[in-house]
């Protein structure tokens, strides 16, 4: 089934890195365009503590707003006072649709950190937007329905932090799949994101999507560092 999809988002101007724990997986990625995209749910539940983030898929910021406080008289609960003043309120958001990501890292990542945490075989991808286009093209022929095509975005390490502006609904939706706690910031993560839009009864639930581009990724190579 053909779908009207288009690549969108924010792309780095240079390269990105992808770490693999097995040389065979790195070679399949480059030589065949064969790889997996993992669901956000799988990252919440994975047994691999290096990758597990129990807050994945849920955003949280403290944003400017009107704070309502109620003061009770301990000696008489019928005697209370309500005040409203400017302050910061907790804002949470989540997306009900299944979200799948291909996780990579921006150029500023420490390669040794990347190797130690995710695997020693580092692939450098020199044309991130072309990879996104290729994944979007692949999605057009899948039976599932997807929102818009591949979205690309760097991860924001602002979860639970205080910010100075209010987020609109679009921003809150985006944060639900691009925000992580600051403890993950050394990863300098850059994500390729797809959102399943099927009806709840037909939504995909498996932890990974197998992506087969059926062509080599000519702009990617294994680097020796």
N, C-alpha and C. Protein backbone atom coordinates (compact mmCIF):
# COMPACT_ATOMS: atom_id res chain seq x y z
N UNK A 1 0.84 -1.19 0.00
CA UNK A 1 0.00 0.00 0.00
C UNK A 1 0.88 1.25 0.00
N UNK A 2 0.66 2.16 -0.95
CA UNK A 2 1.43 3.38 -1.03
C UNK A 2 0.90 4.41 -0.02
N UNK A 3 1.80 5.07 0.67
CA UNK A 3 1.41 6.10 1.61
C UNK A 3 2.08 7.41 1.23
N UNK A 4 1.38 8.51 1.45
CA UNK A 4 1.90 9.83 1.14
C UNK A 4 2.72 10.32 2.32
N UNK A 5 4.00 10.00 2.31
CA UNK A 5 4.87 10.31 3.44
C UNK A 5 6.03 11.19 2.97
N UNK A 6 6.55 11.99 3.89
CA UNK A 6 7.66 12.86 3.56
C UNK A 6 8.57 13.00 4.78
N UNK A 7 9.87 13.04 4.53
CA UNK A 7 10.85 13.22 5.60
C UNK A 7 10.75 14.64 6.16
N UNK A 8 10.88 14.78 7.49
CA UNK A 8 10.83 16.11 8.08
C UNK A 8 11.63 16.12 9.38
N UNK A 9 11.94 17.32 9.87
CA UNK A 9 12.66 17.43 11.13
C UNK A 9 13.91 18.26 11.03
N UNK A 10 14.78 18.06 11.98
CA UNK A 10 16.02 18.85 12.12
C UNK A 10 17.22 17.92 11.95
N UNK A 11 18.06 18.19 10.94
CA UNK A 11 19.18 17.32 10.63
C UNK A 11 20.51 18.01 10.89
N UNK A 12 21.52 17.25 11.35
CA UNK A 12 22.87 17.83 11.48
C UNK A 12 23.46 18.08 10.10
N UNK A 13 24.34 19.04 10.00
CA UNK A 13 24.92 19.40 8.70
C UNK A 13 26.04 18.47 8.29
N UNK A 14 26.54 17.68 9.24
CA UNK A 14 27.66 16.78 8.90
C UNK A 14 27.22 15.33 9.10
N UNK A 15 27.99 14.58 9.86
CA UNK A 15 27.77 13.15 10.01
C UNK A 15 27.16 12.83 11.38
N UNK A 16 26.78 11.56 11.54
CA UNK A 16 26.35 11.01 12.82
C UNK A 16 27.00 9.65 12.99
N UNK A 17 26.91 9.09 14.20
CA UNK A 17 27.51 7.79 14.49
C UNK A 17 26.44 6.81 14.98
N UNK A 18 26.64 5.55 14.64
CA UNK A 18 25.79 4.47 15.14
C UNK A 18 26.70 3.36 15.65
N UNK A 19 26.51 2.96 16.92
CA UNK A 19 27.33 1.91 17.52
C UNK A 19 26.62 0.57 17.43
N UNK A 20 27.38 -0.47 17.14
CA UNK A 20 26.87 -1.85 17.08
C UNK A 20 27.71 -2.74 17.98
N UNK A 21 27.03 -3.69 18.62
CA UNK A 21 27.75 -4.63 19.49
C UNK A 21 28.35 -5.79 18.71
N UNK A 22 27.85 -6.03 17.48
CA UNK A 22 28.33 -7.13 16.66
C UNK A 22 28.72 -6.63 15.28
N UNK A 23 29.86 -7.11 14.78
CA UNK A 23 30.35 -6.67 13.48
C UNK A 23 29.36 -7.04 12.37
N UNK A 24 28.70 -8.20 12.52
CA UNK A 24 27.75 -8.64 11.51
C UNK A 24 26.60 -7.68 11.33
N UNK A 25 26.12 -7.10 12.45
CA UNK A 25 25.02 -6.15 12.37
C UNK A 25 25.46 -4.85 11.71
N UNK A 26 26.69 -4.43 12.00
CA UNK A 26 27.23 -3.22 11.37
C UNK A 26 27.37 -3.43 9.86
N UNK A 27 27.83 -4.60 9.45
CA UNK A 27 27.99 -4.89 8.03
C UNK A 27 26.65 -5.00 7.32
N UNK A 28 25.66 -5.61 7.97
CA UNK A 28 24.32 -5.69 7.37
C UNK A 28 23.73 -4.30 7.18
N UNK A 29 23.96 -3.43 8.13
CA UNK A 29 23.47 -2.05 8.04
C UNK A 29 24.04 -1.37 6.81
N UNK A 30 25.37 -1.48 6.62
CA UNK A 30 26.05 -0.78 5.52
C UNK A 30 25.79 -1.46 4.18
N UNK A 31 25.96 -2.77 4.15
CA UNK A 31 25.96 -3.50 2.87
C UNK A 31 24.57 -3.83 2.35
N UNK A 32 23.56 -3.92 3.25
CA UNK A 32 22.22 -4.32 2.83
C UNK A 32 21.13 -3.33 3.20
N UNK A 33 21.46 -2.36 4.05
CA UNK A 33 20.42 -1.47 4.55
C UNK A 33 19.43 -2.21 5.43
N UNK A 34 19.94 -3.16 6.23
CA UNK A 34 19.11 -4.00 7.08
C UNK A 34 19.39 -3.67 8.54
N UNK A 35 18.35 -3.28 9.29
CA UNK A 35 18.53 -2.92 10.70
C UNK A 35 17.18 -2.90 11.39
N UNK A 36 17.20 -2.66 12.69
CA UNK A 36 15.99 -2.61 13.50
C UNK A 36 15.76 -1.20 14.03
N UNK A 37 14.47 -0.86 14.17
CA UNK A 37 14.08 0.33 14.91
C UNK A 37 13.30 -0.14 16.13
N UNK A 38 13.69 0.33 17.31
CA UNK A 38 13.09 -0.15 18.55
C UNK A 38 11.96 0.74 19.03
N UNK A 39 10.97 0.14 19.67
CA UNK A 39 9.86 0.91 20.24
C UNK A 39 10.31 1.60 21.52
N UNK A 40 9.70 2.73 21.82
CA UNK A 40 10.01 3.41 23.08
C UNK A 40 9.67 2.52 24.27
N UNK A 41 8.62 1.74 24.14
CA UNK A 41 8.24 0.81 25.21
C UNK A 41 9.36 -0.18 25.48
N UNK A 42 10.03 -0.64 24.43
CA UNK A 42 11.11 -1.62 24.62
C UNK A 42 12.27 -1.02 25.40
N UNK A 43 12.50 0.29 25.26
CA UNK A 43 13.57 0.94 26.00
C UNK A 43 13.20 1.13 27.48
N UNK A 44 11.91 1.17 27.76
CA UNK A 44 11.49 1.23 29.17
C UNK A 44 11.66 -0.12 29.84
N UNK A 45 11.51 -1.19 29.08
CA UNK A 45 11.43 -2.53 29.66
C UNK A 45 12.68 -3.39 29.43
N UNK A 46 13.64 -2.93 28.64
CA UNK A 46 14.80 -3.75 28.34
C UNK A 46 15.56 -4.17 29.59
N UNK A 47 16.10 -5.38 29.55
CA UNK A 47 16.90 -5.87 30.67
C UNK A 47 18.30 -5.28 30.66
N UNK A 48 18.70 -4.66 29.58
CA UNK A 48 20.01 -4.03 29.47
C UNK A 48 19.98 -2.69 30.22
N UNK A 49 20.59 -2.66 31.38
CA UNK A 49 20.53 -1.47 32.22
C UNK A 49 21.21 -0.27 31.57
N UNK A 50 22.13 -0.51 30.64
CA UNK A 50 22.82 0.60 29.97
C UNK A 50 21.88 1.36 29.04
N UNK A 51 20.85 0.69 28.57
CA UNK A 51 19.93 1.30 27.63
C UNK A 51 18.57 1.64 28.25
N UNK A 52 18.28 1.05 29.40
CA UNK A 52 16.95 1.19 29.98
C UNK A 52 16.70 2.60 30.52
N UNK A 53 15.54 3.14 30.15
CA UNK A 53 15.08 4.43 30.66
C UNK A 53 13.59 4.27 30.96
N UNK A 54 13.25 4.14 32.22
CA UNK A 54 11.86 3.88 32.61
C UNK A 54 10.93 5.05 32.31
N UNK A 55 11.50 6.21 31.99
CA UNK A 55 10.68 7.38 31.69
C UNK A 55 10.51 7.59 30.18
N UNK A 56 11.08 6.68 29.38
CA UNK A 56 11.03 6.85 27.93
C UNK A 56 9.58 6.92 27.43
N UNK A 57 9.31 7.91 26.58
CA UNK A 57 7.96 8.07 26.03
C UNK A 57 7.08 9.01 26.83
N UNK A 58 7.60 9.54 27.93
CA UNK A 58 6.83 10.47 28.78
C UNK A 58 7.67 11.72 29.02
N UNK A 59 7.12 12.86 28.68
CA UNK A 59 7.87 14.10 28.91
C UNK A 59 7.48 14.72 30.25
N UNK A 60 8.38 15.54 30.78
CA UNK A 60 8.11 16.24 32.04
C UNK A 60 8.96 17.50 32.08
N UNK A 61 8.29 18.64 32.18
CA UNK A 61 8.99 19.90 32.39
C UNK A 61 8.26 20.70 33.45
N UNK A 62 8.96 21.67 34.03
CA UNK A 62 8.35 22.62 34.97
C UNK A 62 8.31 23.96 34.26
N UNK A 63 7.09 24.43 33.95
CA UNK A 63 6.91 25.59 33.09
C UNK A 63 6.16 26.70 33.81
N UNK A 64 6.35 27.95 33.35
CA UNK A 64 5.66 29.08 34.00
C UNK A 64 4.14 28.91 33.94
N UNK A 65 3.49 29.26 35.03
CA UNK A 65 2.03 29.15 35.10
C UNK A 65 1.50 29.70 36.40
N UNK A 66 0.19 29.67 36.54
CA UNK A 66 -0.46 30.15 37.75
C UNK A 66 -0.58 28.99 38.74
N UNK A 67 0.01 29.17 39.89
CA UNK A 67 0.02 28.13 40.92
C UNK A 67 -1.10 28.41 41.93
N UNK A 68 -1.98 27.44 42.08
CA UNK A 68 -3.09 27.57 43.03
C UNK A 68 -2.72 26.83 44.32
N UNK A 69 -2.84 27.51 45.43
CA UNK A 69 -2.53 26.91 46.73
C UNK A 69 -3.73 27.06 47.66
N UNK A 70 -3.98 26.00 48.42
CA UNK A 70 -5.08 26.01 49.38
C UNK A 70 -4.50 25.85 50.79
N UNK A 71 -4.85 26.77 51.69
CA UNK A 71 -4.36 26.76 53.06
C UNK A 71 -5.53 26.42 53.99
N UNK A 72 -5.36 25.37 54.82
CA UNK A 72 -6.39 24.97 55.77
C UNK A 72 -5.99 25.34 57.19
N UNK A 73 -6.97 25.67 57.96
CA UNK A 73 -6.79 25.87 59.40
C UNK A 73 -6.89 24.49 60.06
N UNK A 74 -5.84 24.05 60.70
CA UNK A 74 -5.83 22.71 61.31
C UNK A 74 -6.92 22.55 62.37
N UNK A 75 -7.28 23.63 62.96
CA UNK A 75 -8.28 23.55 64.03
C UNK A 75 -9.71 23.62 63.49
N UNK A 76 -9.83 24.01 62.23
CA UNK A 76 -11.17 24.11 61.64
C UNK A 76 -11.03 23.96 60.13
N UNK A 77 -11.32 22.76 59.64
CA UNK A 77 -11.13 22.48 58.22
C UNK A 77 -12.06 23.29 57.33
N UNK A 78 -13.13 23.82 57.93
CA UNK A 78 -14.03 24.66 57.13
C UNK A 78 -13.43 26.04 56.87
N UNK A 79 -12.38 26.34 57.58
CA UNK A 79 -11.73 27.64 57.45
C UNK A 79 -10.49 27.46 56.55
N UNK A 80 -10.57 27.93 55.34
CA UNK A 80 -9.43 27.78 54.41
C UNK A 80 -9.32 29.00 53.51
N UNK A 81 -8.17 29.12 52.86
CA UNK A 81 -7.90 30.25 51.97
C UNK A 81 -7.27 29.72 50.69
N UNK A 82 -7.71 30.24 49.57
CA UNK A 82 -7.18 29.85 48.26
C UNK A 82 -6.43 31.04 47.66
N UNK A 83 -5.20 30.80 47.23
CA UNK A 83 -4.41 31.84 46.58
C UNK A 83 -3.98 31.38 45.19
N UNK A 84 -3.74 32.33 44.33
CA UNK A 84 -3.25 32.04 42.97
C UNK A 84 -2.15 33.04 42.65
N UNK A 85 -0.98 32.52 42.31
CA UNK A 85 0.14 33.41 42.01
C UNK A 85 1.02 32.78 40.94
N UNK A 86 1.85 33.62 40.32
CA UNK A 86 2.75 33.13 39.27
C UNK A 86 3.81 32.23 39.86
N UNK A 87 4.15 31.18 39.12
CA UNK A 87 5.17 30.25 39.56
C UNK A 87 5.46 29.24 38.46
N UNK A 88 5.79 28.03 38.87
CA UNK A 88 6.09 26.97 37.91
C UNK A 88 5.20 25.76 38.21
N UNK A 89 4.67 25.18 37.14
CA UNK A 89 3.81 24.01 37.29
C UNK A 89 4.41 22.84 36.51
N UNK A 90 4.13 21.63 36.98
CA UNK A 90 4.63 20.42 36.32
C UNK A 90 3.75 20.09 35.12
N UNK A 91 4.39 19.93 33.97
CA UNK A 91 3.69 19.61 32.73
C UNK A 91 4.17 18.23 32.25
N UNK A 92 3.24 17.32 32.05
CA UNK A 92 3.55 15.98 31.56
C UNK A 92 2.82 15.73 30.25
N UNK A 93 3.43 14.94 29.39
CA UNK A 93 2.75 14.56 28.15
C UNK A 93 3.21 13.17 27.70
N UNK A 94 2.37 12.52 26.91
CA UNK A 94 2.68 11.20 26.35
C UNK A 94 1.88 11.05 25.07
N UNK A 95 2.38 10.21 24.19
CA UNK A 95 1.71 9.94 22.93
C UNK A 95 1.17 8.52 22.98
N UNK A 96 -0.12 8.36 22.66
CA UNK A 96 -0.72 7.04 22.76
C UNK A 96 -0.31 6.09 21.64
N UNK A 97 0.14 6.63 20.52
CA UNK A 97 0.52 5.80 19.39
C UNK A 97 1.88 5.14 19.59
N UNK A 98 2.09 3.95 19.03
CA UNK A 98 3.42 3.32 19.11
C UNK A 98 4.46 4.17 18.36
N UNK A 99 5.61 4.37 19.00
CA UNK A 99 6.70 5.16 18.43
C UNK A 99 7.94 4.28 18.34
N UNK A 100 8.60 4.31 17.18
CA UNK A 100 9.82 3.53 16.96
C UNK A 100 10.95 4.47 16.57
N UNK A 101 12.15 4.16 17.04
CA UNK A 101 13.28 5.04 16.78
C UNK A 101 14.51 4.25 16.33
N UNK A 102 15.31 4.92 15.52
CA UNK A 102 16.68 4.49 15.25
C UNK A 102 17.56 5.47 15.98
N UNK A 103 18.32 4.97 16.95
CA UNK A 103 19.12 5.84 17.80
C UNK A 103 20.55 5.95 17.27
N UNK A 104 21.02 7.19 17.10
CA UNK A 104 22.38 7.45 16.67
C UNK A 104 22.96 8.55 17.58
N UNK A 105 24.18 8.99 17.29
CA UNK A 105 24.80 10.04 18.10
C UNK A 105 25.37 11.13 17.20
N UNK A 106 25.30 12.35 17.70
CA UNK A 106 25.83 13.51 16.99
C UNK A 106 27.36 13.52 17.02
N UNK A 107 28.00 14.31 16.16
CA UNK A 107 29.46 14.30 16.05
C UNK A 107 30.21 14.60 17.35
N UNK A 108 29.60 15.37 18.25
CA UNK A 108 30.31 15.76 19.47
C UNK A 108 30.41 14.65 20.52
N UNK A 109 29.80 13.50 20.28
CA UNK A 109 29.89 12.40 21.24
C UNK A 109 31.33 11.91 21.38
N UNK A 110 31.68 11.48 22.56
CA UNK A 110 32.98 10.85 22.79
C UNK A 110 32.91 9.41 22.27
N UNK A 111 33.72 9.11 21.27
CA UNK A 111 33.65 7.80 20.62
C UNK A 111 33.95 6.67 21.60
N UNK A 112 34.90 6.88 22.50
CA UNK A 112 35.21 5.83 23.47
C UNK A 112 34.03 5.56 24.39
N UNK A 113 33.33 6.62 24.76
CA UNK A 113 32.10 6.45 25.56
C UNK A 113 31.08 5.63 24.79
N UNK A 114 30.91 5.95 23.52
CA UNK A 114 29.95 5.25 22.67
C UNK A 114 30.31 3.77 22.56
N UNK A 115 31.58 3.48 22.36
CA UNK A 115 32.04 2.09 22.22
C UNK A 115 31.83 1.32 23.51
N UNK A 116 32.16 1.94 24.62
CA UNK A 116 32.05 1.24 25.91
C UNK A 116 30.60 0.97 26.30
N UNK A 117 29.70 1.85 25.90
CA UNK A 117 28.31 1.70 26.33
C UNK A 117 27.47 0.87 25.37
N UNK A 118 27.71 1.03 24.07
CA UNK A 118 26.80 0.40 23.09
C UNK A 118 27.45 -0.64 22.18
N UNK A 119 28.77 -0.64 22.11
CA UNK A 119 29.41 -1.64 21.26
C UNK A 119 30.61 -1.06 20.53
N UNK A 120 31.59 -1.91 20.21
CA UNK A 120 32.87 -1.43 19.67
C UNK A 120 32.88 -1.12 18.18
N UNK A 121 31.81 -1.44 17.47
CA UNK A 121 31.81 -1.27 16.02
C UNK A 121 31.02 -0.01 15.68
N UNK A 122 31.75 1.04 15.32
CA UNK A 122 31.17 2.36 15.11
C UNK A 122 31.03 2.64 13.62
N UNK A 123 29.80 2.91 13.22
CA UNK A 123 29.50 3.27 11.83
C UNK A 123 29.30 4.78 11.75
N UNK A 124 30.00 5.40 10.81
CA UNK A 124 29.82 6.82 10.55
C UNK A 124 28.88 6.98 9.36
N UNK A 125 27.79 7.72 9.56
CA UNK A 125 26.79 7.96 8.51
C UNK A 125 26.97 9.40 8.03
N UNK A 126 27.38 9.56 6.78
CA UNK A 126 27.77 10.87 6.29
C UNK A 126 26.65 11.66 5.63
N UNK A 127 25.49 11.05 5.49
CA UNK A 127 24.37 11.75 4.87
C UNK A 127 23.08 11.39 5.61
N UNK A 128 22.89 11.92 6.83
CA UNK A 128 21.73 11.54 7.65
C UNK A 128 20.40 11.78 6.96
N UNK A 129 20.27 12.88 6.20
CA UNK A 129 18.98 13.15 5.58
C UNK A 129 18.66 12.14 4.48
N UNK A 130 19.69 11.64 3.80
CA UNK A 130 19.45 10.62 2.79
C UNK A 130 18.97 9.33 3.43
N UNK A 131 19.56 8.97 4.58
CA UNK A 131 19.09 7.79 5.30
C UNK A 131 17.63 7.95 5.69
N UNK A 132 17.25 9.15 6.16
CA UNK A 132 15.85 9.39 6.51
C UNK A 132 14.95 9.26 5.29
N UNK A 133 15.38 9.79 4.15
CA UNK A 133 14.61 9.65 2.92
C UNK A 133 14.42 8.18 2.56
N UNK A 134 15.48 7.40 2.71
CA UNK A 134 15.42 5.98 2.34
C UNK A 134 14.47 5.21 3.26
N UNK A 135 14.48 5.54 4.56
CA UNK A 135 13.55 4.88 5.48
C UNK A 135 12.12 5.27 5.16
N UNK A 136 11.91 6.55 4.86
CA UNK A 136 10.56 7.02 4.50
C UNK A 136 10.06 6.30 3.25
N UNK A 137 10.93 6.14 2.27
CA UNK A 137 10.56 5.40 1.05
C UNK A 137 10.17 3.97 1.38
N UNK A 138 10.92 3.35 2.29
CA UNK A 138 10.61 1.98 2.72
C UNK A 138 9.23 1.92 3.38
N UNK A 139 8.91 2.91 4.21
CA UNK A 139 7.63 2.91 4.94
C UNK A 139 6.43 3.00 4.00
N UNK A 140 6.62 3.63 2.87
CA UNK A 140 5.51 3.82 1.94
C UNK A 140 4.92 2.49 1.47
N UNK A 141 5.72 1.44 1.50
CA UNK A 141 5.26 0.15 0.99
C UNK A 141 4.93 -0.85 2.09
N UNK A 142 4.95 -0.41 3.33
CA UNK A 142 4.55 -1.28 4.43
C UNK A 142 3.04 -1.27 4.59
N UNK A 143 2.52 -2.30 5.24
CA UNK A 143 1.07 -2.38 5.41
C UNK A 143 0.59 -1.48 6.54
N UNK A 144 1.48 -1.14 7.47
CA UNK A 144 1.06 -0.27 8.58
C UNK A 144 0.96 1.18 8.09
N UNK A 145 0.23 2.00 8.85
CA UNK A 145 0.11 3.41 8.55
C UNK A 145 1.05 4.21 9.46
N UNK A 146 1.69 5.23 8.90
CA UNK A 146 2.63 6.03 9.68
C UNK A 146 2.31 7.52 9.52
N UNK A 147 2.69 8.28 10.53
CA UNK A 147 2.41 9.72 10.56
C UNK A 147 3.50 10.48 9.82
N UNK A 148 3.19 10.97 8.65
CA UNK A 148 4.06 11.90 7.96
C UNK A 148 5.29 11.34 7.30
N UNK A 149 5.91 10.32 7.86
CA UNK A 149 7.19 9.83 7.39
C UNK A 149 8.20 9.91 8.51
N UNK A 150 9.47 9.76 8.18
CA UNK A 150 10.51 9.81 9.21
C UNK A 150 10.68 11.24 9.72
N UNK A 151 10.64 11.38 11.04
CA UNK A 151 10.97 12.65 11.69
C UNK A 151 12.35 12.50 12.30
N UNK A 152 13.17 13.52 12.16
CA UNK A 152 14.51 13.48 12.71
C UNK A 152 14.67 14.58 13.75
N UNK A 153 15.32 14.26 14.89
CA UNK A 153 15.45 15.26 15.95
C UNK A 153 16.56 14.87 16.92
N UNK A 154 17.30 15.85 17.41
CA UNK A 154 18.22 15.58 18.51
C UNK A 154 17.43 15.43 19.80
N UNK A 155 17.94 14.64 20.71
CA UNK A 155 17.28 14.46 22.00
C UNK A 155 17.50 15.69 22.88
N UNK A 156 16.46 16.07 23.59
CA UNK A 156 16.54 17.18 24.55
C UNK A 156 16.69 16.59 25.95
N UNK A 157 17.75 16.96 26.64
CA UNK A 157 18.02 16.40 27.98
C UNK A 157 17.49 17.35 29.06
N UNK A 158 16.18 17.60 28.98
CA UNK A 158 15.55 18.57 29.87
C UNK A 158 14.48 17.95 30.75
N UNK A 159 14.40 16.65 30.80
CA UNK A 159 13.32 16.01 31.55
C UNK A 159 13.37 16.41 33.03
N UNK A 160 12.24 16.86 33.54
CA UNK A 160 12.05 17.29 34.93
C UNK A 160 12.73 18.62 35.24
N UNK A 161 13.24 19.30 34.22
CA UNK A 161 13.92 20.57 34.46
C UNK A 161 12.96 21.75 34.31
N UNK A 162 13.36 22.87 34.89
CA UNK A 162 12.59 24.10 34.81
C UNK A 162 12.95 24.85 33.54
N UNK A 163 11.93 25.30 32.81
CA UNK A 163 12.15 26.09 31.60
C UNK A 163 11.40 27.41 31.75
N UNK A 164 11.73 28.36 30.89
CA UNK A 164 11.19 29.71 31.06
C UNK A 164 10.04 30.06 30.13
N UNK A 165 9.66 29.13 29.25
CA UNK A 165 8.55 29.38 28.34
C UNK A 165 7.57 28.21 28.38
N UNK A 166 6.31 28.49 28.03
CA UNK A 166 5.30 27.45 27.98
C UNK A 166 5.36 26.73 26.64
N UNK A 167 5.18 25.42 26.68
CA UNK A 167 5.17 24.62 25.47
C UNK A 167 3.75 24.54 24.91
N UNK A 168 3.65 24.65 23.57
CA UNK A 168 2.34 24.45 22.96
C UNK A 168 2.11 22.94 22.79
N UNK A 169 0.94 22.57 22.29
CA UNK A 169 0.59 21.15 22.19
C UNK A 169 1.53 20.38 21.27
N UNK A 170 1.96 21.03 20.19
CA UNK A 170 2.88 20.37 19.25
C UNK A 170 4.21 20.09 19.94
N UNK A 171 4.71 21.07 20.68
CA UNK A 171 5.98 20.90 21.38
C UNK A 171 5.87 19.80 22.44
N UNK A 172 4.77 19.74 23.16
CA UNK A 172 4.59 18.71 24.18
C UNK A 172 4.55 17.32 23.55
N UNK A 173 3.88 17.22 22.41
CA UNK A 173 3.83 15.93 21.71
C UNK A 173 5.22 15.49 21.28
N UNK A 174 6.00 16.43 20.73
CA UNK A 174 7.35 16.11 20.28
C UNK A 174 8.25 15.71 21.45
N UNK A 175 8.12 16.42 22.57
CA UNK A 175 8.95 16.11 23.74
C UNK A 175 8.71 14.69 24.25
N UNK A 176 7.50 14.16 24.04
CA UNK A 176 7.19 12.83 24.56
C UNK A 176 8.10 11.76 23.95
N UNK A 177 8.64 12.00 22.77
CA UNK A 177 9.53 11.01 22.16
C UNK A 177 10.93 11.54 21.85
N UNK A 178 11.24 12.76 22.33
CA UNK A 178 12.59 13.28 22.12
C UNK A 178 13.25 13.77 23.40
N UNK A 179 12.62 13.57 24.56
CA UNK A 179 13.16 14.10 25.81
C UNK A 179 13.66 12.98 26.70
N UNK A 180 14.83 13.20 27.31
CA UNK A 180 15.40 12.22 28.24
C UNK A 180 16.01 12.96 29.44
N UNK A 181 16.24 12.23 30.55
CA UNK A 181 16.90 12.84 31.71
C UNK A 181 18.34 13.24 31.38
N UNK A 182 18.85 14.21 32.11
CA UNK A 182 20.19 14.75 31.83
C UNK A 182 21.29 13.73 32.03
N UNK A 183 21.04 12.66 32.80
CA UNK A 183 22.08 11.65 33.02
C UNK A 183 22.47 10.93 31.72
N UNK A 184 21.61 11.02 30.70
CA UNK A 184 21.92 10.38 29.41
C UNK A 184 22.61 11.34 28.44
N UNK A 185 22.88 12.56 28.85
CA UNK A 185 23.39 13.57 27.92
C UNK A 185 24.73 13.23 27.26
N UNK A 186 25.63 12.43 27.88
CA UNK A 186 26.87 12.09 27.17
C UNK A 186 26.64 11.32 25.87
N UNK A 187 25.44 10.78 25.67
CA UNK A 187 25.15 10.04 24.45
C UNK A 187 24.98 10.96 23.24
N UNK A 188 24.64 12.24 23.46
CA UNK A 188 24.41 13.19 22.36
C UNK A 188 23.54 12.54 21.29
N UNK A 189 22.40 12.02 21.72
CA UNK A 189 21.58 11.19 20.84
C UNK A 189 20.84 12.00 19.77
N UNK A 190 20.80 11.41 18.58
CA UNK A 190 20.04 11.93 17.46
C UNK A 190 19.13 10.81 16.97
N UNK A 191 17.83 11.10 16.85
CA UNK A 191 16.86 10.05 16.57
C UNK A 191 16.19 10.19 15.20
N UNK A 192 15.99 9.03 14.57
CA UNK A 192 15.08 8.89 13.44
C UNK A 192 13.80 8.28 14.01
N UNK A 193 12.68 8.94 13.82
CA UNK A 193 11.44 8.59 14.54
C UNK A 193 10.33 8.28 13.55
N UNK A 194 9.60 7.19 13.82
CA UNK A 194 8.38 6.91 13.06
C UNK A 194 7.25 6.62 14.05
N UNK A 195 6.05 7.07 13.71
CA UNK A 195 4.89 6.95 14.59
C UNK A 195 3.80 6.16 13.87
N UNK A 196 3.40 5.07 14.47
CA UNK A 196 2.35 4.23 13.88
C UNK A 196 0.99 4.88 14.10
N UNK A 197 0.19 4.95 13.04
CA UNK A 197 -1.10 5.64 13.10
C UNK A 197 -2.28 4.72 12.86
N UNK A 198 -2.09 3.42 12.95
CA UNK A 198 -3.20 2.50 12.78
C UNK A 198 -4.21 2.64 13.92
N UNK A 199 -5.43 2.15 13.70
CA UNK A 199 -6.43 2.10 14.76
C UNK A 199 -5.91 1.23 15.90
N UNK A 200 -6.35 1.50 17.13
CA UNK A 200 -5.84 0.73 18.28
C UNK A 200 -5.90 -0.78 18.09
N UNK A 201 -6.92 -1.28 17.44
CA UNK A 201 -7.04 -2.73 17.27
C UNK A 201 -6.03 -3.29 16.28
N UNK A 202 -5.43 -2.41 15.45
CA UNK A 202 -4.49 -2.87 14.43
C UNK A 202 -3.06 -2.41 14.68
N UNK A 203 -2.83 -1.67 15.77
CA UNK A 203 -1.51 -1.12 16.01
C UNK A 203 -0.47 -2.21 16.25
N UNK A 204 0.74 -1.95 15.79
CA UNK A 204 1.83 -2.90 16.01
C UNK A 204 2.27 -2.82 17.47
N UNK A 205 2.60 -3.96 18.03
CA UNK A 205 2.96 -4.03 19.45
C UNK A 205 4.32 -4.68 19.68
N UNK A 206 4.95 -5.21 18.65
CA UNK A 206 6.23 -5.89 18.87
C UNK A 206 7.33 -4.86 19.17
N UNK A 207 8.38 -5.28 19.88
CA UNK A 207 9.39 -4.33 20.35
C UNK A 207 10.28 -3.75 19.26
N UNK A 208 10.36 -4.43 18.09
CA UNK A 208 11.23 -3.93 17.02
C UNK A 208 10.51 -3.97 15.69
N UNK A 209 10.90 -3.05 14.81
CA UNK A 209 10.50 -3.10 13.41
C UNK A 209 11.73 -3.44 12.59
N UNK A 210 11.64 -4.48 11.77
CA UNK A 210 12.73 -4.83 10.88
C UNK A 210 12.65 -3.92 9.65
N UNK A 211 13.71 -3.18 9.40
CA UNK A 211 13.78 -2.29 8.24
C UNK A 211 14.74 -2.90 7.23
N UNK A 212 14.27 -3.08 6.01
CA UNK A 212 15.10 -3.63 4.94
C UNK A 212 15.03 -2.69 3.75
N UNK A 213 16.06 -1.86 3.60
CA UNK A 213 16.08 -0.89 2.51
C UNK A 213 16.38 -1.54 1.16
N UNK A 214 16.87 -2.77 1.21
CA UNK A 214 17.18 -3.55 0.01
C UNK A 214 18.23 -2.88 -0.87
N UNK A 215 19.07 -2.10 -0.24
CA UNK A 215 20.16 -1.44 -0.97
C UNK A 215 21.25 -1.04 0.02
N UNK A 216 22.50 -1.05 -0.38
CA UNK A 216 23.57 -0.61 0.54
C UNK A 216 23.41 0.85 0.92
N UNK A 217 23.92 1.17 2.10
CA UNK A 217 23.98 2.57 2.54
C UNK A 217 25.38 3.05 2.18
N UNK A 218 25.51 3.60 0.99
CA UNK A 218 26.84 3.91 0.44
C UNK A 218 27.54 5.04 1.19
N UNK A 219 26.78 5.85 1.91
CA UNK A 219 27.38 6.98 2.62
C UNK A 219 27.72 6.61 4.08
N UNK A 220 27.75 5.32 4.38
CA UNK A 220 28.11 4.86 5.74
C UNK A 220 29.33 3.97 5.68
N UNK A 221 30.13 4.02 6.75
CA UNK A 221 31.33 3.18 6.80
C UNK A 221 31.70 2.90 8.24
N UNK A 222 32.35 1.78 8.47
CA UNK A 222 32.88 1.45 9.79
C UNK A 222 34.17 2.21 9.96
N UNK A 223 34.34 2.86 11.10
CA UNK A 223 35.55 3.64 11.35
C UNK A 223 36.40 2.94 12.40
N UNK A 224 37.70 3.10 12.29
CA UNK A 224 38.66 2.53 13.23
C UNK A 224 39.18 3.63 14.14
N UNK A 225 38.79 3.58 15.40
CA UNK A 225 39.24 4.61 16.36
C UNK A 225 39.69 3.92 17.64
